[in-house]
C-alpha atoms as a PDB file:
ATOM      1  CA  UNK A   1     -16.747   1.263 -16.668  1.00  0.00           C
ATOM      2  CA  UNK A   2     -16.574   4.840 -17.091  1.00  0.00           C
ATOM      3  CA  UNK A   3     -14.307   6.977 -15.104  1.00  0.00           C
ATOM      4  CA  UNK A   4     -15.332  10.397 -14.212  1.00  0.00           C
ATOM      5  CA  UNK A   5     -12.990  13.169 -13.155  1.00  0.00           C
ATOM      6  CA  UNK A   6     -14.130  15.466 -10.388  1.00  0.00           C
ATOM      7  CA  UNK A   7     -12.293  18.832  -9.905  1.00  0.00           C
ATOM      8  CA  UNK A   8     -13.781  19.612  -6.433  1.00  0.00           C
ATOM      9  CA  UNK A   9     -11.734  19.432  -3.289  1.00  0.00           C
ATOM     10  CA  UNK A  10     -11.971  16.487  -0.880  1.00  0.00           C
ATOM     11  CA  UNK A  11     -11.767  17.158   2.993  1.00  0.00           C
ATOM     12  CA  UNK A  12      -9.062  15.754   4.484  1.00  0.00           C
ATOM     13  CA  UNK A  13     -11.269  14.343   7.011  1.00  0.00           C
ATOM     14  CA  UNK A  14     -12.904  12.382   4.562  1.00  0.00           C
ATOM     15  CA  UNK A  15      -9.866  11.074   2.925  1.00  0.00           C
ATOM     16  CA  UNK A  16      -8.611   9.708   6.244  1.00  0.00           C
ATOM     17  CA  UNK A  17     -12.165   8.102   6.866  1.00  0.00           C
ATOM     18  CA  UNK A  18     -11.814   6.355   3.553  1.00  0.00           C
ATOM     19  CA  UNK A  19      -8.451   5.471   3.895  1.00  0.00           C
ATOM     20  CA  UNK A  20      -9.192   3.719   7.555  1.00  0.00           C
ATOM     21  CA  UNK A  21     -12.073   1.810   5.867  1.00  0.00           C
ATOM     22  CA  UNK A  22      -9.736   0.442   3.057  1.00  0.00           C
ATOM     23  CA  UNK A  23      -6.907  -0.261   5.658  1.00  0.00           C
ATOM     24  CA  UNK A  24      -9.620  -2.051   7.768  1.00  0.00           C
ATOM     25  CA  UNK A  25     -10.782  -4.080   4.857  1.00  0.00           C
ATOM     26  CA  UNK A  26      -7.416  -5.205   3.623  1.00  0.00           C
ATOM     27  CA  UNK A  27      -4.915  -7.860   4.907  1.00  0.00           C
ATOM     28  CA  UNK A  28      -2.231  -7.808   2.134  1.00  0.00           C
ATOM     29  CA  UNK A  29      -0.045  -5.000   0.658  1.00  0.00           C
ATOM     30  CA  UNK A  30       2.673  -4.946  -2.159  1.00  0.00           C
ATOM     31  CA  UNK A  31       5.860  -3.601  -0.986  1.00  0.00           C
ATOM     32  CA  UNK A  32       8.144  -2.249  -3.550  1.00  0.00           C
ATOM     33  CA  UNK A  33      11.968  -1.721  -2.720  1.00  0.00           C
ATOM     34  CA  UNK A  34      14.972  -1.059  -5.072  1.00  0.00           C
ATOM     35  CA  UNK A  35      18.399  -2.731  -4.385  1.00  0.00           C
ATOM     36  CA  UNK A  36      21.586  -0.672  -4.288  1.00  0.00           C
ATOM     37  CA  UNK A  37      22.420  -2.144  -7.949  1.00  0.00           C
ATOM     38  CA  UNK A  38      18.695  -0.220  -8.889  1.00  0.00           C
ATOM     39  CA  UNK A  39      16.939  -3.376  -9.370  1.00  0.00           C
ATOM     40  CA  UNK A  40      13.369  -3.306  -8.399  1.00  0.00           C
ATOM     41  CA  UNK A  41      11.650  -6.151  -6.004  1.00  0.00           C
ATOM     42  CA  UNK A  42       8.101  -6.271  -4.994  1.00  0.00           C
ATOM     43  CA  UNK A  43       6.847  -8.482  -2.217  1.00  0.00           C
ATOM     44  CA  UNK A  44       3.310  -9.204  -0.858  1.00  0.00           C
ATOM     45  CA  UNK A  45       2.862  -9.233   2.883  1.00  0.00           C
ATOM     46  CA  UNK A  46       0.580  -9.085   5.634  1.00  0.00           C
ATOM     47  CA  UNK A  47       0.510  -5.790   7.571  1.00  0.00           C
ATOM     48  CA  UNK A  48      -0.969  -3.976  10.417  1.00  0.00           C
ATOM     49  CA  UNK A  49      -1.527  -0.103  10.684  1.00  0.00           C
ATOM     50  CA  UNK A  50      -1.853   2.348  13.384  1.00  0.00           C
ATOM     51  CA  UNK A  51      -4.239   5.178  14.097  1.00  0.00           C
ATOM     52  CA  UNK A  52      -1.322   7.693  12.583  1.00  0.00           C
ATOM     53  CA  UNK A  53      -1.482   5.613   9.298  1.00  0.00           C
ATOM     54  CA  UNK A  54       1.919   3.927  10.064  1.00  0.00           C
ATOM     55  CA  UNK A  55       2.062   0.607   8.350  1.00  0.00           C
ATOM     56  CA  UNK A  56       3.705  -2.264   9.780  1.00  0.00           C
ATOM     57  CA  UNK A  57       4.764  -5.650   8.525  1.00  0.00           C
ATOM     58  CA  UNK A  58       7.060  -8.453   9.792  1.00  0.00           C
ATOM     59  CA  UNK A  59       9.845  -9.957   7.448  1.00  0.00           C
ATOM     60  CA  UNK A  60      12.866 -12.437   7.880  1.00  0.00           C
ATOM     61  CA  UNK A  61      15.741 -10.099   8.082  1.00  0.00           C
ATOM     62  CA  UNK A  62      17.729 -12.142   5.177  1.00  0.00           C
ATOM     63  CA  UNK A  63      14.702 -11.360   2.803  1.00  0.00           C
ATOM     64  CA  UNK A  64      15.763  -9.535  -0.363  1.00  0.00           C
ATOM     65  CA  UNK A  65      13.188  -6.684   0.532  1.00  0.00           C
ATOM     66  CA  UNK A  66      14.631  -6.397   3.968  1.00  0.00           C
ATOM     67  CA  UNK A  67      18.058  -5.885   2.618  1.00  0.00           C
ATOM     68  CA  UNK A  68      16.792  -3.541   0.295  1.00  0.00           C
ATOM     69  CA  UNK A  69      15.041  -1.333   3.121  1.00  0.00           C
ATOM     70  CA  UNK A  70      18.405  -1.559   5.350  1.00  0.00           C
ATOM     71  CA  UNK A  71      20.517  -0.262   2.150  1.00  0.00           C
ATOM     72  CA  UNK A  72      17.973   2.215   0.819  1.00  0.00           C
ATOM     73  CA  UNK A  73      15.715   3.120   3.699  1.00  0.00           C
ATOM     74  CA  UNK A  74      12.828   3.663   1.176  1.00  0.00           C
ATOM     75  CA  UNK A  75       9.640   1.567   0.237  1.00  0.00           C
ATOM     76  CA  UNK A  76       6.409   2.370  -1.667  1.00  0.00           C
ATOM     77  CA  UNK A  77       3.387   0.373  -0.527  1.00  0.00           C
ATOM     78  CA  UNK A  78       0.164  -0.302  -2.291  1.00  0.00           C
ATOM     79  CA  UNK A  79      -2.912  -1.317  -0.229  1.00  0.00           C
ATOM     80  CA  UNK A  80      -5.926  -2.585  -2.308  1.00  0.00           C
ATOM     81  CA  UNK A  81      -8.802  -5.011  -1.870  1.00  0.00           C
ATOM     82  CA  UNK A  82      -7.796  -8.028  -3.612  1.00  0.00           C
ATOM     83  CA  UNK A  83     -11.314  -9.193  -3.972  1.00  0.00           C
ATOM     84  CA  UNK A  84     -12.200  -6.541  -6.660  1.00  0.00           C
ATOM     85  CA  UNK A  85     -13.555  -7.571 -10.153  1.00  0.00           C
ATOM     86  CA  UNK A  86     -12.553  -5.955 -13.256  1.00  0.00           C
ATOM     87  CA  UNK A  87     -15.200  -3.615 -14.620  1.00  0.00           C
ATOM     88  CA  UNK A  88     -16.727  -2.929 -11.073  1.00  0.00           C
ATOM     89  CA  UNK A  89     -15.934  -0.018  -8.752  1.00  0.00           C
ATOM     90  CA  UNK A  90     -12.322  -0.003  -7.581  1.00  0.00           C
ATOM     91  CA  UNK A  91     -10.775   0.900  -3.928  1.00  0.00           C
ATOM     92  CA  UNK A  92      -7.213   1.326  -3.420  1.00  0.00           C
ATOM     93  CA  UNK A  93      -4.486   3.517  -1.784  1.00  0.00           C
END
């Protein structure tokens, strides 16, 4: 697969449209948190999203990632099409 870099700007409306398409097509996300001891933790979860692009998921309050969010209040989330095949077009946020 050839990756081609393009330096032209993409309109924010087009980016929002592409993001909506991906979020509509995806059910799972990877949630990355960091513990108070600086240890990384990644959890896969089902999610929902709002028109303002807020991501929402439900977790047991006793789960490690829930405790990390309470202590650090920061997360990184990756949303992607889990049906992608190597060497074909990719899609993700």
